[in-house]
Structure formats: C-alpha cells, structure tokens
PDB file of all heavy atoms in Angstrom:
ATOM      1  N   GLU A   1      -2.327  16.083  -5.699  1.00  0.00           N
ATOM      2  CA  GLU A   1      -1.354  14.982  -5.738  1.00  0.00           C
ATOM      3  C   GLU A   1      -2.006  13.607  -5.627  1.00  0.00           C
ATOM      4  O   GLU A   1      -1.414  12.606  -6.009  1.00  0.00           O
ATOM      5  CB  GLU A   1      -0.337  15.169  -4.605  1.00  0.00           C
ATOM      6  CG  GLU A   1       0.535  16.403  -4.770  1.00  0.00           C
ATOM      7  CD  GLU A   1       1.483  16.602  -3.602  1.00  0.00           C
ATOM      8  OE1 GLU A   1       1.527  15.701  -2.708  1.00  0.00           O
ATOM      9  OE2 GLU A   1       2.184  17.632  -3.564  1.00  0.00           O
ATOM     10  N   ILE A   2      -3.216  13.558  -5.108  1.00  0.00           N
ATOM     11  CA  ILE A   2      -3.879  12.267  -4.891  1.00  0.00           C
ATOM     12  C   ILE A   2      -4.697  11.819  -6.100  1.00  0.00           C
ATOM     13  O   ILE A   2      -5.192  10.684  -6.139  1.00  0.00           O
ATOM     14  CB  ILE A   2      -4.777  12.332  -3.628  1.00  0.00           C
ATOM     15  CG1 ILE A   2      -5.117  10.933  -3.105  1.00  0.00           C
ATOM     16  CG2 ILE A   2      -6.065  13.137  -3.915  1.00  0.00           C
ATOM     17  CD1 ILE A   2      -3.928  10.156  -2.618  1.00  0.00           C
ATOM     18  N   SER A   3      -4.828  12.682  -7.103  1.00  0.00           N
ATOM     19  CA  SER A   3      -5.732  12.376  -8.226  1.00  0.00           C
ATOM     20  C   SER A   3      -5.398  11.054  -8.917  1.00  0.00           C
ATOM     21  O   SER A   3      -6.288  10.294  -9.303  1.00  0.00           O
ATOM     22  CB  SER A   3      -5.716  13.523  -9.242  1.00  0.00           C
ATOM     23  OG  SER A   3      -6.171  14.720  -8.650  1.00  0.00           O
ATOM     24  N   SER A   4      -4.094  10.773  -9.071  1.00  0.00           N
ATOM     25  CA  SER A   4      -3.716   9.554  -9.797  1.00  0.00           C
ATOM     26  C   SER A   4      -4.107   8.283  -9.056  1.00  0.00           C
ATOM     27  O   SER A   4      -4.206   7.212  -9.650  1.00  0.00           O
ATOM     28  CB  SER A   4      -2.206   9.548 -10.048  1.00  0.00           C
ATOM     29  OG  SER A   4      -1.494   9.567  -8.818  1.00  0.00           O
ATOM     30  N   ALA A   5      -4.371   8.392  -7.743  1.00  0.00           N
ATOM     31  CA  ALA A   5      -4.762   7.213  -6.961  1.00  0.00           C
ATOM     32  C   ALA A   5      -6.080   6.618  -7.436  1.00  0.00           C
ATOM     33  O   ALA A   5      -6.359   5.436  -7.188  1.00  0.00           O
ATOM     34  CB  ALA A   5      -4.858   7.578  -5.481  1.00  0.00           C
ATOM     35  N   TYR A   6      -6.886   7.414  -8.130  1.00  0.00           N
ATOM     36  CA  TYR A   6      -8.205   6.940  -8.558  1.00  0.00           C
ATOM     37  C   TYR A   6      -8.127   5.914  -9.679  1.00  0.00           C
ATOM     38  O   TYR A   6      -9.134   5.292 -10.023  1.00  0.00           O
ATOM     39  CB  TYR A   6      -9.101   8.140  -8.910  1.00  0.00           C
ATOM     40  CG  TYR A   6      -9.553   8.809  -7.633  1.00  0.00           C
ATOM     41  CD1 TYR A   6      -8.709   9.687  -6.960  1.00  0.00           C
ATOM     42  CD2 TYR A   6     -10.761   8.485  -7.050  1.00  0.00           C
ATOM     43  CE1 TYR A   6      -9.090  10.256  -5.749  1.00  0.00           C
ATOM     44  CE2 TYR A   6     -11.150   9.049  -5.835  1.00  0.00           C
ATOM     45  CZ  TYR A   6     -10.301   9.922  -5.189  1.00  0.00           C
ATOM     46  OH  TYR A   6     -10.670  10.456  -3.972  1.00  0.00           O
ATOM     47  N   GLY A   7      -6.940   5.696 -10.204  1.00  0.00           N
ATOM     48  CA  GLY A   7      -6.754   4.594 -11.137  1.00  0.00           C
ATOM     49  C   GLY A   7      -7.035   3.243 -10.494  1.00  0.00           C
ATOM     50  O   GLY A   7      -7.257   2.251 -11.195  1.00  0.00           O
ATOM     51  N   ALA A   8      -7.061   3.207  -9.161  1.00  0.00           N
ATOM     52  CA  ALA A   8      -7.377   1.959  -8.454  1.00  0.00           C
ATOM     53  C   ALA A   8      -8.791   1.471  -8.729  1.00  0.00           C
ATOM     54  O   ALA A   8      -9.122   0.313  -8.452  1.00  0.00           O
ATOM     55  CB  ALA A   8      -7.181   2.161  -6.946  1.00  0.00           C
ATOM     56  N   LEU A   9      -9.630   2.344  -9.270  1.00  0.00           N
ATOM     57  CA  LEU A   9     -11.017   1.966  -9.544  1.00  0.00           C
ATOM     58  C   LEU A   9     -11.188   1.260 -10.884  1.00  0.00           C
ATOM     59  O   LEU A   9     -12.275   0.759 -11.189  1.00  0.00           O
ATOM     60  CB  LEU A   9     -11.912   3.207  -9.498  1.00  0.00           C
ATOM     61  CG  LEU A   9     -11.901   3.987  -8.177  1.00  0.00           C
ATOM     62  CD1 LEU A   9     -12.805   5.207  -8.268  1.00  0.00           C
ATOM     63  CD2 LEU A   9     -12.328   3.095  -7.017  1.00  0.00           C
ATOM     64  N   LYS A  10     -10.149   1.196 -11.686  1.00  0.00           N
ATOM     65  CA  LYS A  10     -10.240   0.496 -12.973  1.00  0.00           C
ATOM     66  C   LYS A  10     -10.579  -0.972 -12.741  1.00  0.00           C
ATOM     67  O   LYS A  10     -10.041  -1.615 -11.841  1.00  0.00           O
ATOM     68  CB  LYS A  10      -8.915   0.587 -13.725  1.00  0.00           C
ATOM     69  CG  LYS A  10      -8.568   1.962 -14.251  1.00  0.00           C
ATOM     70  CD  LYS A  10      -7.245   1.920 -15.009  1.00  0.00           C
ATOM     71  CE  LYS A  10      -6.795   3.301 -15.455  1.00  0.00           C
ATOM     72  NZ  LYS A  10      -5.485   3.247 -16.151  1.00  0.00           N
ATOM     73  N   GLY A  11     -11.474  -1.471 -13.568  1.00  0.00           N
ATOM     74  CA  GLY A  11     -11.855  -2.873 -13.486  1.00  0.00           C
ATOM     75  C   GLY A  11     -13.030  -3.149 -12.573  1.00  0.00           C
ATOM     76  O   GLY A  11     -13.599  -4.236 -12.617  1.00  0.00           O
ATOM     77  N   LEU A  12     -13.407  -2.170 -11.743  1.00  0.00           N
ATOM     78  CA  LEU A  12     -14.554  -2.370 -10.859  1.00  0.00           C
ATOM     79  C   LEU A  12     -15.855  -2.186 -11.623  1.00  0.00           C
ATOM     80  O   LEU A  12     -15.901  -1.554 -12.682  1.00  0.00           O
ATOM     81  CB  LEU A  12     -14.505  -1.383  -9.686  1.00  0.00           C
ATOM     82  CG  LEU A  12     -13.306  -1.493  -8.730  1.00  0.00           C
ATOM     83  CD1 LEU A  12     -13.478  -0.513  -7.578  1.00  0.00           C
ATOM     84  CD2 LEU A  12     -13.145  -2.910  -8.206  1.00  0.00           C
ATOM     85  N   ASN A  13     -16.921  -2.745 -11.082  1.00  0.00           N
ATOM     86  CA  ASN A  13     -18.261  -2.584 -11.649  1.00  0.00           C
ATOM     87  C   ASN A  13     -19.005  -1.529 -10.840  1.00  0.00           C
ATOM     88  O   ASN A  13     -18.932  -1.511  -9.608  1.00  0.00           O
ATOM     89  CB  ASN A  13     -19.007  -3.919 -11.603  1.00  0.00           C
ATOM     90  CG  ASN A  13     -20.336  -3.865 -12.327  1.00  0.00           C
ATOM     91  OD1 ASN A  13     -21.273  -3.234 -11.875  1.00  0.00           O
ATOM     92  ND2 ASN A  13     -20.420  -4.546 -13.459  1.00  0.00           N
ATOM     93  N   LEU A  14     -19.711  -0.640 -11.542  1.00  0.00           N
ATOM     94  CA  LEU A  14     -20.414   0.447 -10.881  1.00  0.00           C
ATOM     95  C   LEU A  14     -21.713   0.008 -10.224  1.00  0.00           C
ATOM     96  O   LEU A  14     -22.571   0.840  -9.944  1.00  0.00           O
ATOM     97  CB  LEU A  14     -20.726   1.579 -11.879  1.00  0.00           C
ATOM     98  CG  LEU A  14     -19.526   2.254 -12.535  1.00  0.00           C
ATOM     99  CD1 LEU A  14     -19.993   3.400 -13.431  1.00  0.00           C
ATOM    100  CD2 LEU A  14     -18.536   2.758 -11.500  1.00  0.00           C
ATOM    101  N   GLY A  15     -21.852  -1.270  -9.947  1.00  0.00           N
ATOM    102  CA  GLY A  15     -23.051  -1.784  -9.293  1.00  0.00           C
ATOM    103  C   GLY A  15     -23.135  -1.348  -7.845  1.00  0.00           C
ATOM    104  O   GLY A  15     -22.385  -0.472  -7.386  1.00  0.00           O
ATOM    105  N   HIS A  16     -24.048  -1.982  -7.097  1.00  0.00           N
ATOM    106  CA  HIS A  16     -24.398  -1.483  -5.778  1.00  0.00           C
ATOM    107  C   HIS A  16     -23.261  -1.568  -4.771  1.00  0.00           C
ATOM    108  O   HIS A  16     -23.289  -0.913  -3.736  1.00  0.00           O
ATOM    109  CB  HIS A  16     -25.622  -2.226  -5.239  1.00  0.00           C
ATOM    110  CG  HIS A  16     -25.363  -3.659  -4.876  1.00  0.00           C
ATOM    111  ND1 HIS A  16     -25.253  -4.652  -5.817  1.00  0.00           N
ATOM    112  CD2 HIS A  16     -25.166  -4.251  -3.670  1.00  0.00           C
ATOM    113  CE1 HIS A  16     -25.017  -5.807  -5.212  1.00  0.00           C
ATOM    114  NE2 HIS A  16     -24.957  -5.607  -3.910  1.00  0.00           N
ATOM    115  N   GLU A  17     -22.212  -2.346  -5.030  1.00  0.00           N
ATOM    116  CA  GLU A  17     -21.077  -2.443  -4.114  1.00  0.00           C
ATOM    117  C   GLU A  17     -19.970  -1.449  -4.451  1.00  0.00           C
ATOM    118  O   GLU A  17     -18.981  -1.349  -3.719  1.00  0.00           O
ATOM    119  CB  GLU A  17     -20.496  -3.859  -4.137  1.00  0.00           C
ATOM    120  CG  GLU A  17     -21.390  -4.919  -3.517  1.00  0.00           C
ATOM    121  CD  GLU A  17     -21.445  -4.793  -1.998  1.00  0.00           C
ATOM    122  OE1 GLU A  17     -20.425  -4.422  -1.388  1.00  0.00           O
ATOM    123  OE2 GLU A  17     -22.524  -5.058  -1.430  1.00  0.00           O
ATOM    124  N   PHE A  18     -20.126  -0.696  -5.539  1.00  0.00           N
ATOM    125  CA  PHE A  18     -19.018   0.139  -6.003  1.00  0.00           C
ATOM    126  C   PHE A  18     -18.604   1.184  -4.978  1.00  0.00           C
ATOM    127  O   PHE A  18     -17.408   1.358  -4.692  1.00  0.00           O
ATOM    128  CB  PHE A  18     -19.382   0.832  -7.323  1.00  0.00           C
ATOM    129  CG  PHE A  18     -18.331   1.808  -7.785  1.00  0.00           C
ATOM    130  CD1 PHE A  18     -17.183   1.354  -8.419  1.00  0.00           C
ATOM    131  CD2 PHE A  18     -18.483   3.176  -7.587  1.00  0.00           C
ATOM    132  CE1 PHE A  18     -16.202   2.245  -8.840  1.00  0.00           C
ATOM    133  CE2 PHE A  18     -17.517   4.070  -7.999  1.00  0.00           C
ATOM    134  CZ  PHE A  18     -16.368   3.607  -8.634  1.00  0.00           C
ATOM    135  N   MET A  19     -19.547   1.934  -4.415  1.00  0.00           N
ATOM    136  CA  MET A  19     -19.187   2.995  -3.481  1.00  0.00           C
ATOM    137  C   MET A  19     -18.530   2.427  -2.230  1.00  0.00           C
ATOM    138  O   MET A  19     -17.632   3.043  -1.659  1.00  0.00           O
ATOM    139  CB  MET A  19     -20.412   3.835  -3.127  1.00  0.00           C
ATOM    140  CG  MET A  19     -20.915   4.707  -4.263  1.00  0.00           C
ATOM    141  SD  MET A  19     -19.627   5.754  -5.009  1.00  0.00           S
ATOM    142  CE  MET A  19     -19.047   6.676  -3.585  1.00  0.00           C
ATOM    143  N   LYS A  20     -18.958   1.256  -1.806  1.00  0.00           N
ATOM    144  CA  LYS A  20     -18.312   0.611  -0.655  1.00  0.00           C
ATOM    145  C   LYS A  20     -16.860   0.290  -0.989  1.00  0.00           C
ATOM    146  O   LYS A  20     -15.944   0.522  -0.181  1.00  0.00           O
ATOM    147  CB  LYS A  20     -19.075  -0.662  -0.287  1.00  0.00           C
ATOM    148  CG  LYS A  20     -18.458  -1.439   0.869  1.00  0.00           C
ATOM    149  CD  LYS A  20     -19.272  -2.691   1.179  1.00  0.00           C
ATOM    150  CE  LYS A  20     -18.646  -3.503   2.305  1.00  0.00           C
ATOM    151  NZ  LYS A  20     -19.436  -4.728   2.594  1.00  0.00           N
ATOM    152  N   GLN A  21     -16.627  -0.244  -2.194  1.00  0.00           N
ATOM    153  CA  GLN A  21     -15.266  -0.562  -2.614  1.00  0.00           C
ATOM    154  C   GLN A  21     -14.432   0.707  -2.756  1.00  0.00           C
ATOM    155  O   GLN A  21     -13.257   0.736  -2.374  1.00  0.00           O
ATOM    156  CB  GLN A  21     -15.305  -1.329  -3.942  1.00  0.00           C
ATOM    157  CG  GLN A  21     -15.945  -2.703  -3.836  1.00  0.00           C
ATOM    158  CD  GLN A  21     -16.166  -3.334  -5.193  1.00  0.00           C
ATOM    159  OE1 GLN A  21     -16.607  -2.674  -6.136  1.00  0.00           O
ATOM    160  NE2 GLN A  21     -15.860  -4.616  -5.312  1.00  0.00           N
ATOM    161  N   ALA A  22     -15.037   1.765  -3.299  1.00  0.00           N
ATOM    162  CA  ALA A  22     -14.314   3.027  -3.470  1.00  0.00           C
ATOM    163  C   ALA A  22     -13.903   3.598  -2.114  1.00  0.00           C
ATOM    164  O   ALA A  22     -12.784   4.106  -1.955  1.00  0.00           O
ATOM    165  CB  ALA A  22     -15.176   4.025  -4.236  1.00  0.00           C
ATOM    166  N   ARG A  23     -14.785   3.512  -1.123  1.00  0.00           N
ATOM    167  CA  ARG A  23     -14.445   4.014   0.211  1.00  0.00           C
ATOM    168  C   ARG A  23     -13.315   3.198   0.836  1.00  0.00           C
ATOM    169  O   ARG A  23     -12.443   3.743   1.520  1.00  0.00           O
ATOM    170  CB  ARG A  23     -15.684   3.988   1.114  1.00  0.00           C
ATOM    171  CG  ARG A  23     -16.682   5.099   0.821  1.00  0.00           C
ATOM    172  CD  ARG A  23     -17.741   5.185   1.903  1.00  0.00           C
ATOM    173  NE  ARG A  23     -18.584   3.991   1.949  1.00  0.00           N
ATOM    174  CZ  ARG A  23     -19.709   3.851   1.266  1.00  0.00           C
ATOM    175  NH1 ARG A  23     -20.126   4.833   0.465  1.00  0.00           N
ATOM    176  NH2 ARG A  23     -20.422   2.743   1.371  1.00  0.00           N
ATOM    177  N   GLN A  24     -13.332   1.890   0.595  1.00  0.00           N
ATOM    178  CA  GLN A  24     -12.268   1.048   1.145  1.00  0.00           C
ATOM    179  C   GLN A  24     -10.922   1.387   0.520  1.00  0.00           C
ATOM    180  O   GLN A  24      -9.887   1.381   1.192  1.00  0.00           O
ATOM    181  CB  GLN A  24     -12.605  -0.425   0.914  1.00  0.00           C
ATOM    182  CG  GLN A  24     -13.782  -0.927   1.744  1.00  0.00           C
ATOM    183  CD  GLN A  24     -14.217  -2.335   1.362  1.00  0.00           C
ATOM    184  OE1 GLN A  24     -13.907  -2.820   0.275  1.00  0.00           O
ATOM    185  NE2 GLN A  24     -14.956  -2.991   2.244  1.00  0.00           N
ATOM    186  N   LEU A  25     -10.927   1.689  -0.784  1.00  0.00           N
ATOM    187  CA  LEU A  25      -9.683   1.968  -1.486  1.00  0.00           C
ATOM    188  C   LEU A  25      -9.212   3.409  -1.307  1.00  0.00           C
ATOM    189  O   LEU A  25      -7.997   3.668  -1.232  1.00  0.00           O
ATOM    190  CB  LEU A  25      -9.867   1.689  -2.981  1.00  0.00           C
ATOM    191  CG  LEU A  25     -10.046   0.227  -3.398  1.00  0.00           C
ATOM    192  CD1 LEU A  25     -10.508   0.146  -4.853  1.00  0.00           C
ATOM    193  CD2 LEU A  25      -8.739  -0.547  -3.214  1.00  0.00           C
ATOM    194  N   LEU A  26     -10.158   4.352  -1.236  1.00  0.00           N
ATOM    195  CA  LEU A  26      -9.809   5.766  -1.346  1.00  0.00           C
ATOM    196  C   LEU A  26     -10.424   6.627  -0.254  1.00  0.00           C
ATOM    197  O   LEU A  26     -10.430   7.854  -0.366  1.00  0.00           O
ATOM    198  CB  LEU A  26     -10.244   6.293  -2.729  1.00  0.00           C
ATOM    199  CG  LEU A  26      -9.562   5.589  -3.907  1.00  0.00           C
ATOM    200  CD1 LEU A  26     -10.354   5.803  -5.191  1.00  0.00           C
ATOM    201  CD2 LEU A  26      -8.135   6.090  -4.073  1.00  0.00           C
ATOM    202  N   GLY A  27     -10.929   6.016   0.793  1.00  0.00           N
ATOM    203  CA  GLY A  27     -11.507   6.775   1.879  1.00  0.00           C
ATOM    204  C   GLY A  27     -10.445   7.419   2.751  1.00  0.00           C
ATOM    205  O   GLY A  27      -9.277   7.017   2.750  1.00  0.00           O
ATOM    206  N   GLY A  28     -10.833   8.433   3.515  1.00  0.00           N
ATOM    207  CA  GLY A  28      -9.916   9.082   4.445  1.00  0.00           C
ATOM    208  C   GLY A  28      -8.706   9.676   3.745  1.00  0.00           C
ATOM    209  O   GLY A  28      -8.813  10.296   2.680  1.00  0.00           O
ATOM    210  N   VAL A  29      -7.518   9.471   4.317  1.00  0.00           N
ATOM    211  CA  VAL A  29      -6.301  10.082   3.784  1.00  0.00           C
ATOM    212  C   VAL A  29      -5.827   9.417   2.493  1.00  0.00           C
ATOM    213  O   VAL A  29      -4.877   9.883   1.863  1.00  0.00           O
ATOM    214  CB  VAL A  29      -5.169  10.040   4.838  1.00  0.00           C
ATOM    215  CG1 VAL A  29      -5.557  10.836   6.068  1.00  0.00           C
ATOM    216  CG2 VAL A  29      -4.822   8.598   5.217  1.00  0.00           C
ATOM    217  N   ALA A  30      -6.487   8.334   2.059  1.00  0.00           N
ATOM    218  CA  ALA A  30      -6.100   7.660   0.816  1.00  0.00           C
ATOM    219  C   ALA A  30      -6.710   8.327  -0.412  1.00  0.00           C
ATOM    220  O   ALA A  30      -6.403   7.933  -1.536  1.00  0.00           O
ATOM    221  CB  ALA A  30      -6.510   6.195   0.860  1.00  0.00           C
ATOM    222  N   GLY A  31      -7.568   9.322  -0.218  1.00  0.00           N
ATOM    223  CA  GLY A  31      -8.233   9.958  -1.355  1.00  0.00           C
ATOM    224  C   GLY A  31      -8.597  11.398  -1.070  1.00  0.00           C
ATOM    225  O   GLY A  31      -8.150  11.992  -0.083  1.00  0.00           O
ATOM    226  N   CYS A  32      -9.404  11.966  -1.925  1.00  0.00           N
ATOM    227  CA  CYS A  32      -9.886  13.347  -1.814  1.00  0.00           C
ATOM    228  C   CYS A  32     -11.358  13.318  -1.427  1.00  0.00           C
ATOM    229  O   CYS A  32     -12.174  12.661  -2.090  1.00  0.00           O
ATOM    230  CB  CYS A  32      -9.712  14.072  -3.153  1.00  0.00           C
ATOM    231  SG  CYS A  32     -10.581  15.657  -3.266  1.00  0.00           S
ATOM    232  N   THR A  33     -11.707  14.031  -0.369  1.00  0.00           N
ATOM    233  CA  THR A  33     -13.092  14.056   0.115  1.00  0.00           C
ATOM    234  C   THR A  33     -14.060  14.433  -0.991  1.00  0.00           C
ATOM    235  O   THR A  33     -15.111  13.797  -1.170  1.00  0.00           O
ATOM    236  CB  THR A  33     -13.223  15.054   1.283  1.00  0.00           C
ATOM    237  OG1 THR A  33     -12.403  14.617   2.359  1.00  0.00           O
ATOM    238  CG2 THR A  33     -14.668  15.164   1.739  1.00  0.00           C
ATOM    239  N   HIS A  34     -13.723  15.453  -1.760  1.00  0.00           N
ATOM    240  CA  HIS A  34     -14.685  15.990  -2.724  1.00  0.00           C
ATOM    241  C   HIS A  34     -14.738  15.182  -4.018  1.00  0.00           C
ATOM    242  O   HIS A  34     -15.796  15.089  -4.648  1.00  0.00           O
ATOM    243  CB  HIS A  34     -14.386  17.464  -2.987  1.00  0.00           C
ATOM    244  CG  HIS A  34     -14.341  18.263  -1.728  1.00  0.00           C
ATOM    245  ND1 HIS A  34     -15.441  18.407  -0.914  1.00  0.00           N
ATOM    246  CD2 HIS A  34     -13.325  18.918  -1.109  1.00  0.00           C
ATOM    247  CE1 HIS A  34     -15.113  19.139   0.140  1.00  0.00           C
ATOM    248  NE2 HIS A  34     -13.836  19.452   0.044  1.00  0.00           N
ATOM    249  N   ILE A  35     -13.629  14.578  -4.416  1.00  0.00           N
ATOM    250  CA  ILE A  35     -13.692  13.641  -5.540  1.00  0.00           C
ATOM    251  C   ILE A  35     -14.539  12.438  -5.148  1.00  0.00           C
ATOM    252  O   ILE A  35     -15.351  11.944  -5.942  1.00  0.00           O
ATOM    253  CB  ILE A  35     -12.284  13.222  -5.997  1.00  0.00           C
ATOM    254  CG1 ILE A  35     -11.558  14.402  -6.627  1.00  0.00           C
ATOM    255  CG2 ILE A  35     -12.366  12.065  -6.995  1.00  0.00           C
ATOM    256  CD1 ILE A  35     -10.126  14.107  -7.052  1.00  0.00           C
ATOM    257  N   ASN A  36     -14.378  11.971  -3.916  1.00  0.00           N
ATOM    258  CA  ASN A  36     -15.208  10.858  -3.448  1.00  0.00           C
ATOM    259  C   ASN A  36     -16.686  11.242  -3.453  1.00  0.00           C
ATOM    260  O   ASN A  36     -17.545  10.420  -3.793  1.00  0.00           O
ATOM    261  CB  ASN A  36     -14.769  10.432  -2.049  1.00  0.00           C
ATOM    262  CG  ASN A  36     -13.422   9.737  -2.048  1.00  0.00           C
ATOM    263  OD1 ASN A  36     -12.900   9.359  -3.105  1.00  0.00           O
ATOM    264  ND2 ASN A  36     -12.837   9.566  -0.871  1.00  0.00           N
ATOM    265  N   GLU A  37     -17.003  12.480  -3.060  1.00  0.00           N
ATOM    266  CA  GLU A  37     -18.390  12.946  -3.114  1.00  0.00           C
ATOM    267  C   GLU A  37     -18.914  12.935  -4.543  1.00  0.00           C
ATOM    268  O   GLU A  37     -20.081  12.612  -4.791  1.00  0.00           O
ATOM    269  CB  GLU A  37     -18.486  14.363  -2.552  1.00  0.00           C
ATOM    270  CG  GLU A  37     -18.277  14.482  -1.072  1.00  0.00           C
ATOM    271  CD  GLU A  37     -18.319  15.927  -0.610  1.00  0.00           C
ATOM    272  OE1 GLU A  37     -17.661  16.782  -1.233  1.00  0.00           O
ATOM    273  OE2 GLU A  37     -19.017  16.194   0.380  1.00  0.00           O
ATOM    274  N   LEU A  38     -18.056  13.293  -5.483  1.00  0.00           N
ATOM    275  CA  LEU A  38     -18.465  13.383  -6.886  1.00  0.00           C
ATOM    276  C   LEU A  38     -18.719  12.017  -7.507  1.00  0.00           C
ATOM    277  O   LEU A  38     -19.452  11.900  -8.494  1.00  0.00           O
ATOM    278  CB  LEU A  38     -17.394  14.146  -7.669  1.00  0.00           C
ATOM    279  CG  LEU A  38     -17.686  14.555  -9.109  1.00  0.00           C
ATOM    280  CD1 LEU A  38     -18.988  15.350  -9.220  1.00  0.00           C
ATOM    281  CD2 LEU A  38     -16.522  15.368  -9.673  1.00  0.00           C
ATOM    282  N   LEU A  39     -18.137  10.977  -6.934  1.00  0.00           N
ATOM    283  CA  LEU A  39     -18.332   9.638  -7.491  1.00  0.00           C
ATOM    284  C   LEU A  39     -19.787   9.190  -7.424  1.00  0.00           C
ATOM    285  O   LEU A  39     -20.272   8.494  -8.324  1.00  0.00           O
ATOM    286  CB  LEU A  39     -17.447   8.622  -6.752  1.00  0.00           C
ATOM    287  CG  LEU A  39     -15.950   8.694  -7.020  1.00  0.00           C
ATOM    288  CD1 LEU A  39     -15.218   7.698  -6.142  1.00  0.00           C
ATOM    289  CD2 LEU A  39     -15.639   8.455  -8.500  1.00  0.00           C
ATOM    290  N   THR A  40     -20.507   9.583  -6.361  1.00  0.00           N
ATOM    291  CA  THR A  40     -21.893   9.112  -6.225  1.00  0.00           C
ATOM    292  C   THR A  40     -22.780   9.588  -7.367  1.00  0.00           C
ATOM    293  O   THR A  40     -23.433   8.764  -8.025  1.00  0.00           O
ATOM    294  CB  THR A  40     -22.464   9.537  -4.859  1.00  0.00           C
ATOM    295  OG1 THR A  40     -21.731   8.887  -3.820  1.00  0.00           O
ATOM    296  CG2 THR A  40     -23.934   9.149  -4.749  1.00  0.00           C
ATOM    297  N   PRO A  41     -22.853  10.903  -7.673  1.00  0.00           N
ATOM    298  CA  PRO A  41     -23.671  11.292  -8.827  1.00  0.00           C
ATOM    299  C   PRO A  41     -23.105  10.803 -10.155  1.00  0.00           C
ATOM    300  O   PRO A  41     -23.863  10.592 -11.116  1.00  0.00           O
ATOM    301  CB  PRO A  41     -23.707  12.821  -8.751  1.00  0.00           C
ATOM    302  CG  PRO A  41     -22.503  13.197  -7.953  1.00  0.00           C
ATOM    303  CD  PRO A  41     -22.322  12.079  -6.964  1.00  0.00           C
ATOM    304  N   ALA A  42     -21.783  10.593 -10.223  1.00  0.00           N
ATOM    305  CA  ALA A  42     -21.204  10.042 -11.454  1.00  0.00           C
ATOM    306  C   ALA A  42     -21.733   8.638 -11.712  1.00  0.00           C
ATOM    307  O   ALA A  42     -22.072   8.286 -12.846  1.00  0.00           O
ATOM    308  CB  ALA A  42     -19.681  10.032 -11.350  1.00  0.00           C
ATOM    309  N   VAL A  43     -21.829   7.832 -10.649  1.00  0.00           N
ATOM    310  CA  VAL A  43     -22.324   6.459 -10.790  1.00  0.00           C
ATOM    311  C   VAL A  43     -23.793   6.449 -11.205  1.00  0.00           C
ATOM    312  O   VAL A  43     -24.189   5.703 -12.114  1.00  0.00           O
ATOM    313  CB  VAL A  43     -22.122   5.679  -9.475  1.00  0.00           C
ATOM    314  CG1 VAL A  43     -22.877   4.354  -9.516  1.00  0.00           C
ATOM    315  CG2 VAL A  43     -20.638   5.430  -9.232  1.00  0.00           C
TER     316      VAL A  43
END
C-alpha cells in the first residue's frame, strides 16, 4: 500500500544529498524498509 508514496521522489537529483532527502520523506512508517534499502544500489 505504501508503494505509491515513492512518487514523492520525482524531481529530486540523485546526487549526494538524495538518500538523506529520501529518508526524510520516506523513512520509518512513511515508507517501506526494503524499498528504501533498494534505493542505495539503484542510485
């Protein structure tokens, strides 16, 4: 049910601040632990 929340990442730059921004937007109960883990190798 949380998958659609990742649309919040549109418009961001995958530079060195991206994972920090992703954690702020989708960390904890706002996202999926394992999708968040997958973002690092994706970047």
